[in-house]
Full PDB file with SEQRES, HELIX, SHEET, SSBOND, CRYST1, ORIGX, SCALE, CONECT and MASTER records, all heavy atoms in Angstrom:
SEQRES   1 A   44  ARG LEU PRO TYR ALA SER ILE ASN LYS ILE THR SER HIS          
SEQRES   2 A   44  ASP GLY PHE THR LEU ARG ASP LEU VAL SER PHE ASN GLN          
SEQRES   3 A   44  LYS HIS ASN GLN ALA ASN GLY GLU GLN ASN ARG ASP GLY          
SEQRES   4 A   44  ASN SER ASN ASN TYR                                          
HELIX    1 AA1 PRO A    3  ALA A    5  5                                   3    
HELIX    2 AA2 LEU A   18  LEU A   21  1                                   4    
HELIX    3 AA3 GLN A   30  ASN A   32  5                                   3    
CRYST1    1.000    1.000    1.000  90.00  90.00  90.00 P 1           1          
ORIGX1      1.000000  0.000000  0.000000        0.00000                         
ORIGX2      0.000000  1.000000  0.000000        0.00000                         
ORIGX3      0.000000  0.000000  1.000000        0.00000                         
SCALE1      1.000000  0.000000  0.000000        0.00000                         
SCALE2      0.000000  1.000000  0.000000        0.00000                         
SCALE3      0.000000  0.000000  1.000000        0.00000                         
ATOM      1  N   ARG A   1       0.841  -1.199  -0.009  1.00  0.00           N  
ATOM      2  CA  ARG A   1       0.008  -0.001  -0.004  1.00  0.00           C  
ATOM      3  C   ARG A   1       0.876   1.241  -0.007  1.00  0.00           C  
ATOM      4  O   ARG A   1       1.983   1.251   0.545  1.00  0.00           O  
ATOM      5  CB  ARG A   1      -0.958   0.007   1.200  1.00  0.00           C  
ATOM      6  CG  ARG A   1      -1.821  -1.252   1.249  1.00  0.00           C  
ATOM      7  CD  ARG A   1      -2.909  -1.144   2.294  1.00  0.00           C  
ATOM      8  NE  ARG A   1      -4.013  -0.333   1.808  1.00  0.00           N  
ATOM      9  CZ  ARG A   1      -5.081  -0.051   2.533  1.00  0.00           C  
ATOM     10  NH1 ARG A   1      -5.176  -0.470   3.788  1.00  0.00           N  
ATOM     11  NH2 ARG A   1      -6.080   0.663   2.051  1.00  0.00           N  
ATOM     12  N   LEU A   2       0.359   2.304  -0.624  1.00  0.00           N  
ATOM     13  CA  LEU A   2       1.125   3.556  -0.787  1.00  0.00           C  
ATOM     14  C   LEU A   2       0.477   4.668   0.044  1.00  0.00           C  
ATOM     15  O   LEU A   2      -0.650   4.520   0.527  1.00  0.00           O  
ATOM     16  CB  LEU A   2       1.186   3.913  -2.259  1.00  0.00           C  
ATOM     17  CG  LEU A   2       1.959   2.923  -3.144  1.00  0.00           C  
ATOM     18  CD1 LEU A   2       1.822   3.264  -4.630  1.00  0.00           C  
ATOM     19  CD2 LEU A   2       3.422   2.854  -2.746  1.00  0.00           C  
ATOM     20  N   PRO A   3       1.156   5.816   0.168  1.00  0.00           N  
ATOM     21  CA  PRO A   3       0.614   6.879   1.029  1.00  0.00           C  
ATOM     22  C   PRO A   3      -0.789   7.349   0.655  1.00  0.00           C  
ATOM     23  O   PRO A   3      -1.543   7.782   1.534  1.00  0.00           O  
ATOM     24  CB  PRO A   3       1.629   8.001   0.859  1.00  0.00           C  
ATOM     25  CG  PRO A   3       2.913   7.306   0.541  1.00  0.00           C  
ATOM     26  CD  PRO A   3       2.512   6.136  -0.292  1.00  0.00           C  
ATOM     27  N   TYR A   4      -1.154   7.246  -0.621  1.00  0.00           N  
ATOM     28  CA  TYR A   4      -2.480   7.703  -1.003  1.00  0.00           C  
ATOM     29  C   TYR A   4      -3.586   6.932  -0.316  1.00  0.00           C  
ATOM     30  O   TYR A   4      -4.751   7.400  -0.261  1.00  0.00           O  
ATOM     31  CB  TYR A   4      -2.666   7.629  -2.529  1.00  0.00           C  
ATOM     32  CG  TYR A   4      -2.889   6.217  -3.066  1.00  0.00           C  
ATOM     33  CD1 TYR A   4      -4.121   5.586  -2.923  1.00  0.00           C  
ATOM     34  CD2 TYR A   4      -1.903   5.534  -3.743  1.00  0.00           C  
ATOM     35  CE1 TYR A   4      -4.354   4.315  -3.415  1.00  0.00           C  
ATOM     36  CE2 TYR A   4      -2.103   4.259  -4.243  1.00  0.00           C  
ATOM     37  CZ  TYR A   4      -3.353   3.649  -4.079  1.00  0.00           C  
ATOM     38  OH  TYR A   4      -3.561   2.392  -4.576  1.00  0.00           O  
ATOM     39  N   ALA A   5      -3.268   5.744   0.223  1.00  0.00           N  
ATOM     40  CA  ALA A   5      -4.278   4.926   0.882  1.00  0.00           C  
ATOM     41  C   ALA A   5      -4.945   5.660   2.043  1.00  0.00           C  
ATOM     42  O   ALA A   5      -6.087   5.378   2.400  1.00  0.00           O  
ATOM     43  CB  ALA A   5      -3.664   3.625   1.377  1.00  0.00           C  
ATOM     44  N   SER A   6      -4.255   6.634   2.615  1.00  0.00           N  
ATOM     45  CA  SER A   6      -4.823   7.422   3.710  1.00  0.00           C  
ATOM     46  C   SER A   6      -5.598   8.598   3.136  1.00  0.00           C  
ATOM     47  O   SER A   6      -5.015   9.565   2.627  1.00  0.00           O  
ATOM     48  CB  SER A   6      -3.693   7.930   4.616  1.00  0.00           C  
ATOM     49  OG  SER A   6      -4.206   8.798   5.603  1.00  0.00           O  
ATOM     50  N   ILE A   7      -6.934   8.502   3.187  1.00  0.00           N  
ATOM     51  CA  ILE A   7      -7.764   9.642   2.814  1.00  0.00           C  
ATOM     52  C   ILE A   7      -7.884  10.522   4.040  1.00  0.00           C  
ATOM     53  O   ILE A   7      -8.661  10.235   4.978  1.00  0.00           O  
ATOM     54  CB  ILE A   7      -9.150   9.191   2.314  1.00  0.00           C  
ATOM     55  CG1 ILE A   7      -9.033   8.216   1.146  1.00  0.00           C  
ATOM     56  CG2 ILE A   7      -9.988  10.426   1.910  1.00  0.00           C  
ATOM     57  CD1 ILE A   7      -8.424   8.778  -0.094  1.00  0.00           C  
ATOM     58  N   ASN A   8      -7.090  11.577   4.079  1.00  0.00           N  
ATOM     59  CA  ASN A   8      -7.056  12.464   5.235  1.00  0.00           C  
ATOM     60  C   ASN A   8      -8.252  13.403   5.216  1.00  0.00           C  
ATOM     61  O   ASN A   8      -8.601  13.962   4.180  1.00  0.00           O  
ATOM     62  CB  ASN A   8      -5.782  13.301   5.219  1.00  0.00           C  
ATOM     63  CG  ASN A   8      -4.525  12.451   5.320  1.00  0.00           C  
ATOM     64  OD1 ASN A   8      -4.556  11.362   5.876  1.00  0.00           O  
ATOM     65  ND2 ASN A   8      -3.422  12.950   4.788  1.00  0.00           N  
ATOM     66  N   LYS A   9      -8.890  13.546   6.350  1.00  0.00           N  
ATOM     67  CA  LYS A   9     -10.021  14.468   6.455  1.00  0.00           C  
ATOM     68  C   LYS A   9     -10.079  15.042   7.856  1.00  0.00           C  
ATOM     69  O   LYS A   9      -9.752  14.387   8.820  1.00  0.00           O  
ATOM     70  CB  LYS A   9     -11.339  13.763   6.086  1.00  0.00           C  
ATOM     71  CG  LYS A   9     -11.744  12.635   7.026  1.00  0.00           C  
ATOM     72  CD  LYS A   9     -12.914  11.837   6.441  1.00  0.00           C  
ATOM     73  CE  LYS A   9     -13.454  10.817   7.434  1.00  0.00           C  
ATOM     74  NZ  LYS A   9     -14.459  11.342   8.331  1.00  0.00           N  
ATOM     75  N   ILE A  10     -10.492  16.269   7.930  1.00  0.00           N  
ATOM     76  CA  ILE A  10     -10.809  16.902   9.205  1.00  0.00           C  
ATOM     77  C   ILE A  10     -12.307  16.848   9.442  1.00  0.00           C  
ATOM     78  O   ILE A  10     -12.783  16.659  10.549  1.00  0.00           O  
ATOM     79  CB  ILE A  10     -10.313  18.368   9.260  1.00  0.00           C  
ATOM     80  CG1 ILE A  10      -8.777  18.392   9.159  1.00  0.00           C  
ATOM     81  CG2 ILE A  10     -10.785  19.056  10.505  1.00  0.00           C  
ATOM     82  CD1 ILE A  10      -8.052  17.797  10.373  1.00  0.00           C  
ATOM     83  N   THR A  11     -13.067  17.022   8.368  1.00  0.00           N  
ATOM     84  CA  THR A  11     -14.536  16.974   8.425  1.00  0.00           C  
ATOM     85  C   THR A  11     -15.032  16.209   7.195  1.00  0.00           C  
ATOM     86  O   THR A  11     -14.314  16.008   6.227  1.00  0.00           O  
ATOM     87  CB  THR A  11     -15.148  18.392   8.417  1.00  0.00           C  
ATOM     88  OG1 THR A  11     -14.720  19.041   7.223  1.00  0.00           O  
ATOM     89  CG2 THR A  11     -14.717  19.184   9.612  1.00  0.00           C  
ATOM     90  N   SER A  12     -16.291  15.793   7.263  1.00  0.00           N  
ATOM     91  CA  SER A  12     -16.983  15.175   6.124  1.00  0.00           C  
ATOM     92  C   SER A  12     -18.467  15.457   6.306  1.00  0.00           C  
ATOM     93  O   SER A  12     -18.881  16.139   7.279  1.00  0.00           O  
ATOM     94  CB  SER A  12     -16.714  13.667   6.064  1.00  0.00           C  
ATOM     95  OG  SER A  12     -17.263  13.019   7.213  1.00  0.00           O  
ATOM     96  N   HIS A  13     -19.294  14.935   5.400  1.00  0.00           N  
ATOM     97  CA  HIS A  13     -20.726  15.147   5.525  1.00  0.00           C  
ATOM     98  C   HIS A  13     -21.239  14.655   6.857  1.00  0.00           C  
ATOM     99  O   HIS A  13     -22.209  15.186   7.403  1.00  0.00           O  
ATOM    100  CB  HIS A  13     -21.465  14.430   4.388  1.00  0.00           C  
ATOM    101  CG  HIS A  13     -21.446  12.936   4.519  1.00  0.00           C  
ATOM    102  ND1 HIS A  13     -20.417  12.139   4.047  1.00  0.00           N  
ATOM    103  CD2 HIS A  13     -22.333  12.087   5.094  1.00  0.00           C  
ATOM    104  CE1 HIS A  13     -20.672  10.881   4.329  1.00  0.00           C  
ATOM    105  NE2 HIS A  13     -21.831  10.810   4.965  1.00  0.00           N  
ATOM    106  N   ASP A  14     -20.614  13.629   7.411  1.00  0.00           N  
ATOM    107  CA  ASP A  14     -21.038  12.982   8.657  1.00  0.00           C  
ATOM    108  C   ASP A  14     -20.304  13.631   9.812  1.00  0.00           C  
ATOM    109  O   ASP A  14     -19.197  13.222  10.163  1.00  0.00           O  
ATOM    110  CB  ASP A  14     -20.720  11.484   8.559  1.00  0.00           C  
ATOM    111  CG  ASP A  14     -21.331  10.711   9.720  1.00  0.00           C  
ATOM    112  OD1 ASP A  14     -21.977  11.337  10.579  1.00  0.00           O  
ATOM    113  OD2 ASP A  14     -21.136   9.486   9.774  1.00  0.00           O  
ATOM    114  N   GLY A  15     -20.905  14.660  10.419  1.00  0.00           N  
ATOM    115  CA  GLY A  15     -20.278  15.333  11.536  1.00  0.00           C  
ATOM    116  C   GLY A  15     -20.381  16.856  11.385  1.00  0.00           C  
ATOM    117  O   GLY A  15     -21.118  17.381  10.547  1.00  0.00           O  
ATOM    118  N   PHE A  16     -19.618  17.556  12.224  1.00  0.00           N  
ATOM    119  CA  PHE A  16     -19.592  19.014  12.186  1.00  0.00           C  
ATOM    120  C   PHE A  16     -18.931  19.496  10.880  1.00  0.00           C  
ATOM    121  O   PHE A  16     -18.022  18.865  10.364  1.00  0.00           O  
ATOM    122  CB  PHE A  16     -18.781  19.570  13.359  1.00  0.00           C  
ATOM    123  CG  PHE A  16     -19.527  19.643  14.658  1.00  0.00           C  
ATOM    124  CD1 PHE A  16     -18.860  19.332  15.848  1.00  0.00           C  
ATOM    125  CD2 PHE A  16     -20.834  20.034  14.721  1.00  0.00           C  
ATOM    126  CE1 PHE A  16     -19.511  19.411  17.070  1.00  0.00           C  
ATOM    127  CE2 PHE A  16     -21.503  20.118  15.948  1.00  0.00           C  
ATOM    128  CZ  PHE A  16     -20.830  19.795  17.113  1.00  0.00           C  
ATOM    129  N   THR A  17     -19.363  20.654  10.397  1.00  0.00           N  
ATOM    130  CA  THR A  17     -18.577  21.376   9.418  1.00  0.00           C  
ATOM    131  C   THR A  17     -17.373  21.977  10.141  1.00  0.00           C  
ATOM    132  O   THR A  17     -17.317  22.000  11.380  1.00  0.00           O  
ATOM    133  CB  THR A  17     -19.384  22.518   8.755  1.00  0.00           C  
ATOM    134  OG1 THR A  17     -19.656  23.496   9.756  1.00  0.00           O  
ATOM    135  CG2 THR A  17     -20.707  21.978   8.189  1.00  0.00           C  
ATOM    136  N   LEU A  18     -16.429  22.519   9.377  1.00  0.00           N  
ATOM    137  CA  LEU A  18     -15.226  23.095   9.996  1.00  0.00           C  
ATOM    138  C   LEU A  18     -15.605  24.293  10.891  1.00  0.00           C  
ATOM    139  O   LEU A  18     -15.094  24.416  12.008  1.00  0.00           O  
ATOM    140  CB  LEU A  18     -14.253  23.528   8.915  1.00  0.00           C  
ATOM    141  CG  LEU A  18     -12.966  24.186   9.421  1.00  0.00           C  
ATOM    142  CD1 LEU A  18     -12.149  23.205  10.270  1.00  0.00           C  
ATOM    143  CD2 LEU A  18     -12.126  24.684   8.241  1.00  0.00           C  
ATOM    144  N   ARG A  19     -16.492  25.131  10.431  1.00  0.00           N  
ATOM    145  CA  ARG A  19     -16.874  26.291  11.238  1.00  0.00           C  
ATOM    146  C   ARG A  19     -17.563  25.843  12.519  1.00  0.00           C  
ATOM    147  O   ARG A  19     -17.311  26.399  13.603  1.00  0.00           O  
ATOM    148  CB  ARG A  19     -17.789  27.228  10.445  1.00  0.00           C  
ATOM    149  CG  ARG A  19     -18.121  28.499  11.212  1.00  0.00           C  
ATOM    150  CD  ARG A  19     -19.034  29.409  10.424  1.00  0.00           C  
ATOM    151  NE  ARG A  19     -19.353  30.610  11.166  1.00  0.00           N  
ATOM    152  CZ  ARG A  19     -20.310  31.474  10.838  1.00  0.00           C  
ATOM    153  NH1 ARG A  19     -21.021  31.267   9.723  1.00  0.00           N  
ATOM    154  NH2 ARG A  19     -20.567  32.531  11.572  1.00  0.00           N  
ATOM    155  N   ASP A  20     -18.420  24.844  12.432  1.00  0.00           N  
ATOM    156  CA  ASP A  20     -19.067  24.343  13.635  1.00  0.00           C  
ATOM    157  C   ASP A  20     -18.110  23.651  14.561  1.00  0.00           C  
ATOM    158  O   ASP A  20     -18.275  23.685  15.793  1.00  0.00           O  
ATOM    159  CB  ASP A  20     -20.219  23.396  13.253  1.00  0.00           C  
ATOM    160  CG  ASP A  20     -21.381  24.121  12.601  1.00  0.00           C  
ATOM    161  OD1 ASP A  20     -21.379  25.355  12.588  1.00  0.00           O  
ATOM    162  OD2 ASP A  20     -22.282  23.431  12.094  1.00  0.00           O  
ATOM    163  N   LEU A  21     -17.077  23.030  13.993  1.00  0.00           N  
ATOM    164  CA  LEU A  21     -16.091  22.353  14.815  1.00  0.00           C  
ATOM    165  C   LEU A  21     -15.380  23.314  15.777  1.00  0.00           C  
ATOM    166  O   LEU A  21     -14.999  22.929  16.886  1.00  0.00           O  
ATOM    167  CB  LEU A  21     -15.067  21.674  13.905  1.00  0.00           C  
ATOM    168  CG  LEU A  21     -14.054  20.731  14.532  1.00  0.00           C  
ATOM    169  CD1 LEU A  21     -14.725  19.471  15.070  1.00  0.00           C  
ATOM    170  CD2 LEU A  21     -12.944  20.367  13.544  1.00  0.00           C  
ATOM    171  N   VAL A  22     -15.213  24.558  15.335  1.00  0.00           N  
ATOM    172  CA  VAL A  22     -14.523  25.531  16.197  1.00  0.00           C  
ATOM    173  C   VAL A  22     -15.516  26.457  16.900  1.00  0.00           C  
ATOM    174  O   VAL A  22     -15.093  27.441  17.539  1.00  0.00           O  
ATOM    175  CB  VAL A  22     -13.501  26.357  15.377  1.00  0.00           C  
ATOM    176  CG1 VAL A  22     -12.450  25.447  14.779  1.00  0.00           C  
ATOM    177  CG2 VAL A  22     -14.186  27.179  14.283  1.00  0.00           C  
ATOM    178  N   SER A  23     -16.831  26.167  16.803  1.00  0.00           N  
ATOM    179  CA  SER A  23     -17.835  27.023  17.383  1.00  0.00           C  
ATOM    180  C   SER A  23     -18.754  26.330  18.384  1.00  0.00           C  
ATOM    181  O   SER A  23     -19.522  27.001  19.095  1.00  0.00           O  
ATOM    182  CB  SER A  23     -18.715  27.637  16.294  1.00  0.00           C  
ATOM    183  OG  SER A  23     -17.940  28.345  15.356  1.00  0.00           O  
ATOM    184  N   PHE A  24     -18.724  25.001  18.440  1.00  0.00           N  
ATOM    185  CA  PHE A  24     -19.622  24.241  19.305  1.00  0.00           C  
ATOM    186  C   PHE A  24     -18.862  23.155  20.059  1.00  0.00           C  
ATOM    187  O   PHE A  24     -18.055  22.440  19.478  1.00  0.00           O  
ATOM    188  CB  PHE A  24     -20.724  23.575  18.475  1.00  0.00           C  
ATOM    189  CG  PHE A  24     -21.668  24.526  17.791  1.00  0.00           C  
ATOM    190  CD1 PHE A  24     -21.391  24.988  16.499  1.00  0.00           C  
ATOM    191  CD2 PHE A  24     -22.811  24.987  18.431  1.00  0.00           C  
ATOM    192  CE1 PHE A  24     -22.249  25.855  15.852  1.00  0.00           C  
ATOM    193  CE2 PHE A  24     -23.668  25.870  17.792  1.00  0.00           C  
ATOM    194  CZ  PHE A  24     -23.389  26.317  16.505  1.00  0.00           C  
ATOM    195  N   ASN A  25     -19.148  23.072  21.345  1.00  0.00           N  
ATOM    196  CA  ASN A  25     -18.637  21.951  22.135  1.00  0.00           C  
ATOM    197  C   ASN A  25     -19.588  20.759  22.100  1.00  0.00           C  
ATOM    198  O   ASN A  25     -19.182  19.617  22.319  1.00  0.00           O  
ATOM    199  CB  ASN A  25     -18.433  22.368  23.602  1.00  0.00           C  
ATOM    200  CG  ASN A  25     -17.133  23.159  23.808  1.00  0.00           C  
ATOM    201  OD1 ASN A  25     -16.367  23.358  22.867  1.00  0.00           O  
ATOM    202  ND2 ASN A  25     -16.942  23.625  25.029  1.00  0.00           N  
ATOM    203  N   GLN A  26     -20.869  21.051  21.855  1.00  0.00           N  
ATOM    204  CA  GLN A  26     -21.884  20.001  21.874  1.00  0.00           C  
ATOM    205  C   GLN A  26     -22.626  19.985  20.524  1.00  0.00           C  
ATOM    206  O   GLN A  26     -22.761  20.998  19.873  1.00  0.00           O  
ATOM    207  CB  GLN A  26     -22.904  20.238  22.998  1.00  0.00           C  
ATOM    208  CG  GLN A  26     -22.276  20.465  24.368  1.00  0.00           C  
ATOM    209  CD  GLN A  26     -21.527  19.272  24.879  1.00  0.00           C  
ATOM    210  OE1 GLN A  26     -21.894  18.134  24.563  1.00  0.00           O  
ATOM    211  NE2 GLN A  26     -20.493  19.496  25.674  1.00  0.00           N  
ATOM    212  N   LYS A  27     -23.151  18.815  20.171  1.00  0.00           N  
ATOM    213  CA  LYS A  27     -24.017  18.721  18.982  1.00  0.00           C  
ATOM    214  C   LYS A  27     -25.359  19.363  19.294  1.00  0.00           C  
ATOM    215  O   LYS A  27     -25.820  19.388  20.441  1.00  0.00           O  
ATOM    216  CB  LYS A  27     -24.188  17.251  18.578  1.00  0.00           C  
ATOM    217  CG  LYS A  27     -24.874  16.416  19.667  1.00  0.00           C  
ATOM    218  CD  LYS A  27     -24.917  14.945  19.315  1.00  0.00           C  
ATOM    219  CE  LYS A  27     -25.621  14.156  20.433  1.00  0.00           C  
ATOM    220  NZ  LYS A  27     -25.653  12.708  20.175  1.00  0.00           N  
ATOM    221  N   HIS A  28     -26.000  19.851  18.249  1.00  0.00           N  
ATOM    222  CA  HIS A  28     -27.318  20.486  18.397  1.00  0.00           C  
ATOM    223  C   HIS A  28     -28.222  19.946  17.270  1.00  0.00           C  
ATOM    224  O   HIS A  28     -28.470  20.606  16.257  1.00  0.00           O  
ATOM    225  CB  HIS A  28     -27.189  22.017  18.307  1.00  0.00           C  
ATOM    226  CG  HIS A  28     -26.395  22.583  19.433  1.00  0.00           C  
ATOM    227  ND1 HIS A  28     -26.984  23.055  20.590  1.00  0.00           N  
ATOM    228  CD2 HIS A  28     -25.056  22.727  19.610  1.00  0.00           C  
ATOM    229  CE1 HIS A  28     -26.039  23.494  21.425  1.00  0.00           C  
ATOM    230  NE2 HIS A  28     -24.869  23.306  20.853  1.00  0.00           N  
ATOM    231  N   ASN A  29     -28.731  18.722  17.486  1.00  0.00           N  
ATOM    232  CA  ASN A  29     -29.468  17.985  16.467  1.00  0.00           C  
ATOM    233  C   ASN A  29     -30.976  17.906  16.728  1.00  0.00           C  
ATOM    234  O   ASN A  29     -31.631  16.988  16.273  1.00  0.00           O  
ATOM    235  CB  ASN A  29     -28.913  16.572  16.322  1.00  0.00           C  
ATOM    236  CG  ASN A  29     -27.444  16.548  15.968  1.00  0.00           C  
ATOM    237  OD1 ASN A  29     -26.851  17.571  15.627  1.00  0.00           O  
ATOM    238  ND2 ASN A  29     -26.827  15.367  15.995  1.00  0.00           N  
ATOM    239  N   GLN A  30     -31.485  18.856  17.480  1.00  0.00           N  
ATOM    240  CA  GLN A  30     -32.901  18.785  17.870  1.00  0.00           C  
ATOM    241  C   GLN A  30     -33.839  18.730  16.661  1.00  0.00           C  
ATOM    242  O   GLN A  30     -34.901  18.081  16.724  1.00  0.00           O  
ATOM    243  CB  GLN A  30     -33.264  20.003  18.735  1.00  0.00           C  
ATOM    244  CG  GLN A  30     -32.705  19.943  20.154  1.00  0.00           C  
ATOM    245  CD  GLN A  30     -31.236  20.409  20.225  1.00  0.00           C  
ATOM    246  OE1 GLN A  30     -30.647  20.797  19.219  1.00  0.00           O  
ATOM    247  NE2 GLN A  30     -30.653  20.379  21.424  1.00  0.00           N  
ATOM    248  N   ALA A  31     -33.456  19.340  15.562  1.00  0.00           N  
ATOM    249  CA  ALA A  31     -34.348  19.347  14.391  1.00  0.00           C  
ATOM    250  C   ALA A  31     -34.516  17.981  13.764  1.00  0.00           C  
ATOM    251  O   ALA A  31     -35.421  17.785  12.942  1.00  0.00           O  
ATOM    252  CB  ALA A  31     -33.784  20.323  13.355  1.00  0.00           C  
ATOM    253  N   ASN A  32     -33.696  17.022  14.153  1.00  0.00           N  
ATOM    254  CA  ASN A  32     -33.758  15.689  13.546  1.00  0.00           C  
ATOM    255  C   ASN A  32     -34.872  14.791  14.137  1.00  0.00           C  
ATOM    256  O   ASN A  32     -35.094  13.700  13.658  1.00  0.00           O  
ATOM    257  CB  ASN A  32     -32.423  14.966  13.696  1.00  0.00           C  
ATOM    258  CG  ASN A  32     -31.307  15.635  12.941  1.00  0.00           C  
ATOM    259  OD1 ASN A  32     -31.530  16.609  12.232  1.00  0.00           O  
ATOM    260  ND2 ASN A  32     -30.093  15.160  13.124  1.00  0.00           N  
ATOM    261  N   GLY A  33     -35.510  15.270  15.182  1.00  0.00           N  
ATOM    262  CA  GLY A  33     -36.651  14.524  15.738  1.00  0.00           C  
ATOM    263  C   GLY A  33     -36.266  13.363  16.631  1.00  0.00           C  
ATOM    264  O   GLY A  33     -37.081  12.472  16.897  1.00  0.00           O  
ATOM    265  N   GLU A  34     -35.024  13.340  17.122  1.00  0.00           N  
ATOM    266  CA  GLU A  34     -34.574  12.244  17.998  1.00  0.00           C  
ATOM    267  C   GLU A  34     -34.072  12.758  19.337  1.00  0.00           C  
ATOM    268  O   GLU A  34     -33.246  12.120  19.990  1.00  0.00           O  
ATOM    269  CB  GLU A  34     -33.474  11.429  17.302  1.00  0.00           C  
ATOM    270  CG  GLU A  34     -33.953  10.768  16.008  1.00  0.00           C  
ATOM    271  CD  GLU A  34     -32.886   9.897  15.375  1.00  0.00           C  
ATOM    272  OE1 GLU A  34     -32.245   9.102  16.101  1.00  0.00           O  
ATOM    273  OE2 GLU A  34     -32.670  10.013  14.152  1.00  0.00           O  
ATOM    274  N   GLN A  35     -34.572  13.929  19.745  1.00  0.00           N  
ATOM    275  CA  GLN A  35     -34.233  14.518  21.038  1.00  0.00           C  
ATOM    276  C   GLN A  35     -32.737  14.654  21.241  1.00  0.00           C  
ATOM    277  O   GLN A  35     -32.200  14.468  22.338  1.00  0.00           O  
ATOM    278  CB  GLN A  35     -34.839  13.716  22.214  1.00  0.00           C  
ATOM    279  CG  GLN A  35     -36.366  13.782  22.285  1.00  0.00           C  
ATOM    280  CD  GLN A  35     -37.042  12.911  21.238  1.00  0.00           C  
ATOM    281  OE1 GLN A  35     -36.742  11.737  21.083  1.00  0.00           O  
ATOM    282  NE2 GLN A  35     -37.982  13.510  20.503  1.00  0.00           N  
ATOM    283  N   ASN A  36     -32.052  14.950  20.161  1.00  0.00           N  
ATOM    284  CA  ASN A  36     -30.581  15.177  20.186  1.00  0.00           C  
ATOM    285  C   ASN A  36     -29.800  13.930  20.592  1.00  0.00           C  
ATOM    286  O   ASN A  36     -28.643  14.026  20.994  1.00  0.00           O  
ATOM    287  CB  ASN A  36     -30.240  16.347  21.122  1.00  0.00           C  
ATOM    288  CG  ASN A  36     -28.914  17.027  20.739  1.00  0.00           C  
ATOM    289  OD1 ASN A  36     -28.579  17.131  19.564  1.00  0.00           O  
ATOM    290  ND2 ASN A  36     -28.183  17.483  21.731  1.00  0.00           N  
ATOM    291  N   ARG A  37     -30.416  12.748  20.453  1.00  0.00           N  
ATOM    292  CA  ARG A  37     -29.693  11.518  20.784  1.00  0.00           C  
ATOM    293  C   ARG A  37     -28.835  11.015  19.621  1.00  0.00           C  
ATOM    294  O   ARG A  37     -27.942  10.201  19.829  1.00  0.00           O  
ATOM    295  CB  ARG A  37     -30.688  10.414  21.201  1.00  0.00           C  
ATOM    296  CG  ARG A  37     -31.439  10.684  22.503  1.00  0.00           C  
ATOM    297  CD  ARG A  37     -32.172   9.438  22.962  1.00  0.00           C  
ATOM    298  NE  ARG A  37     -33.158   9.012  21.972  1.00  0.00           N  
ATOM    299  CZ  ARG A  37     -34.444   9.342  22.015  1.00  0.00           C  
ATOM    300  NH1 ARG A  37     -34.892  10.121  22.987  1.00  0.00           N  
ATOM    301  NH2 ARG A  37     -35.288   8.926  21.084  1.00  0.00           N  
ATOM    302  N   ASP A  38     -29.162  11.431  18.410  1.00  0.00           N  
ATOM    303  CA  ASP A  38     -28.436  10.940  17.241  1.00  0.00           C  
ATOM    304  C   ASP A  38     -27.143  11.722  17.050  1.00  0.00           C  
ATOM    305  O   ASP A  38     -26.940  12.783  17.632  1.00  0.00           O  
ATOM    306  CB  ASP A  38     -29.318  11.058  16.000  1.00  0.00           C  
ATOM    307  CG  ASP A  38     -29.676  12.516  15.720  1.00  0.00           C  
ATOM    308  OD1 ASP A  38     -30.173  13.201  16.627  1.00  0.00           O  
ATOM    309  OD2 ASP A  38     -29.454  12.989  14.571  1.00  0.00           O  
ATOM    310  N   GLY A  39     -26.264  11.212  16.222  1.00  0.00           N  
ATOM    311  CA  GLY A  39     -25.013  11.880  15.932  1.00  0.00           C  
ATOM    312  C   GLY A  39     -23.955  11.572  16.975  1.00  0.00           C  
ATOM    313  O   GLY A  39     -24.256  11.167  18.107  1.00  0.00           O  
ATOM    314  N   ASN A  40     -22.704  11.790  16.620  1.00  0.00           N  
ATOM    315  CA  ASN A  40     -21.580  11.487  17.485  1.00  0.00           C  
ATOM    316  C   ASN A  40     -21.465  12.523  18.608  1.00  0.00           C  
ATOM    317  O   ASN A  40     -21.551  13.719  18.354  1.00  0.00           O  
ATOM    318  CB  ASN A  40     -20.284  11.458  16.653  1.00  0.00           C  
ATOM    319  CG  ASN A  40     -19.143  10.784  17.380  1.00  0.00           C  
ATOM    320  OD1 ASN A  40     -19.135  10.676  18.603  1.00  0.00           O  
ATOM    321  ND2 ASN A  40     -18.167  10.323  16.623  1.00  0.00           N  
ATOM    322  N   SER A  41     -21.295  12.038  19.824  1.00  0.00           N  
ATOM    323  CA  SER A  41     -21.127  12.962  20.945  1.00  0.00           C  
ATOM    324  C   SER A  41     -19.664  13.250  21.271  1.00  0.00           C  
ATOM    325  O   SER A  41     -19.360  14.062  22.139  1.00  0.00           O  
ATOM    326  CB  SER A  41     -21.820  12.397  22.185  1.00  0.00           C  
ATOM    327  OG  SER A  41     -23.205  12.265  21.990  1.00  0.00           O  
ATOM    328  N   ASN A  42     -18.764  12.562  20.575  1.00  0.00           N  
ATOM    329  CA  ASN A  42     -17.332  12.742  20.829  1.00  0.00           C  
ATOM    330  C   ASN A  42     -16.682  13.324  19.582  1.00  0.00           C  
ATOM    331  O   ASN A  42     -16.195  12.626  18.697  1.00  0.00           O  
ATOM    332  CB  ASN A  42     -16.694  11.388  21.172  1.00  0.00           C  
ATOM    333  CG  ASN A  42     -15.275  11.532  21.655  1.00  0.00           C  
ATOM    334  OD1 ASN A  42     -14.853  12.603  22.060  1.00  0.00           O  
ATOM    335  ND2 ASN A  42     -14.501  10.451  21.596  1.00  0.00           N  
ATOM    336  N   ASN A  43     -16.713  14.665  19.511  1.00  0.00           N  
ATOM    337  CA  ASN A  43     -16.326  15.345  18.279  1.00  0.00           C  
ATOM    338  C   ASN A  43     -14.944  16.007  18.319  1.00  0.00           C  
ATOM    339  O   ASN A  43     -14.490  16.516  17.313  1.00  0.00           O  
ATOM    340  CB  ASN A  43     -17.358  16.422  17.941  1.00  0.00           C  
ATOM    341  CG  ASN A  43     -18.712  15.850  17.661  1.00  0.00           C  
ATOM    342  OD1 ASN A  43     -18.958  15.296  16.605  1.00  0.00           O  
ATOM    343  ND2 ASN A  43     -19.637  15.985  18.615  1.00  0.00           N  
ATOM    344  N   TYR A  44     -14.276  16.027  19.460  1.00  0.00           N  
ATOM    345  CA  TYR A  44     -12.990  16.703  19.610  1.00  0.00           C  
ATOM    346  C   TYR A  44     -13.089  18.148  19.111  1.00  0.00           C  
ATOM    347  O   TYR A  44     -12.165  18.668  18.466  1.00  0.00           O  
ATOM    348  CB  TYR A  44     -11.883  15.963  18.861  1.00  0.00           C  
ATOM    349  CG  TYR A  44     -11.706  14.525  19.304  1.00  0.00           C  
ATOM    350  CD1 TYR A  44     -12.239  13.498  18.537  1.00  0.00           C  
ATOM    351  CD2 TYR A  44     -11.007  14.214  20.456  1.00  0.00           C  
ATOM    352  CE1 TYR A  44     -12.098  12.176  18.932  1.00  0.00           C  
ATOM    353  CE2 TYR A  44     -10.841  12.898  20.856  1.00  0.00           C  
ATOM    354  CZ  TYR A  44     -11.393  11.885  20.097  1.00  0.00           C  
ATOM    355  OH  TYR A  44     -11.242  10.564  20.491  1.00  0.00           O  
TER     356      TYR A  44                                                      
MASTER        0    0    0    3    0    0    0    6  355    1    0    4          
END                                                                             
């Protein structure tokens, strides 16, 4: 395997955007209808 095998990412569709990553400590998914239980709670 070569170095390209590592697809490096800080963000993706699944998770915070970059701006949200530096603006929120907690997820805010109330609009999804699951009482904010969905989504990753460990976002660094």
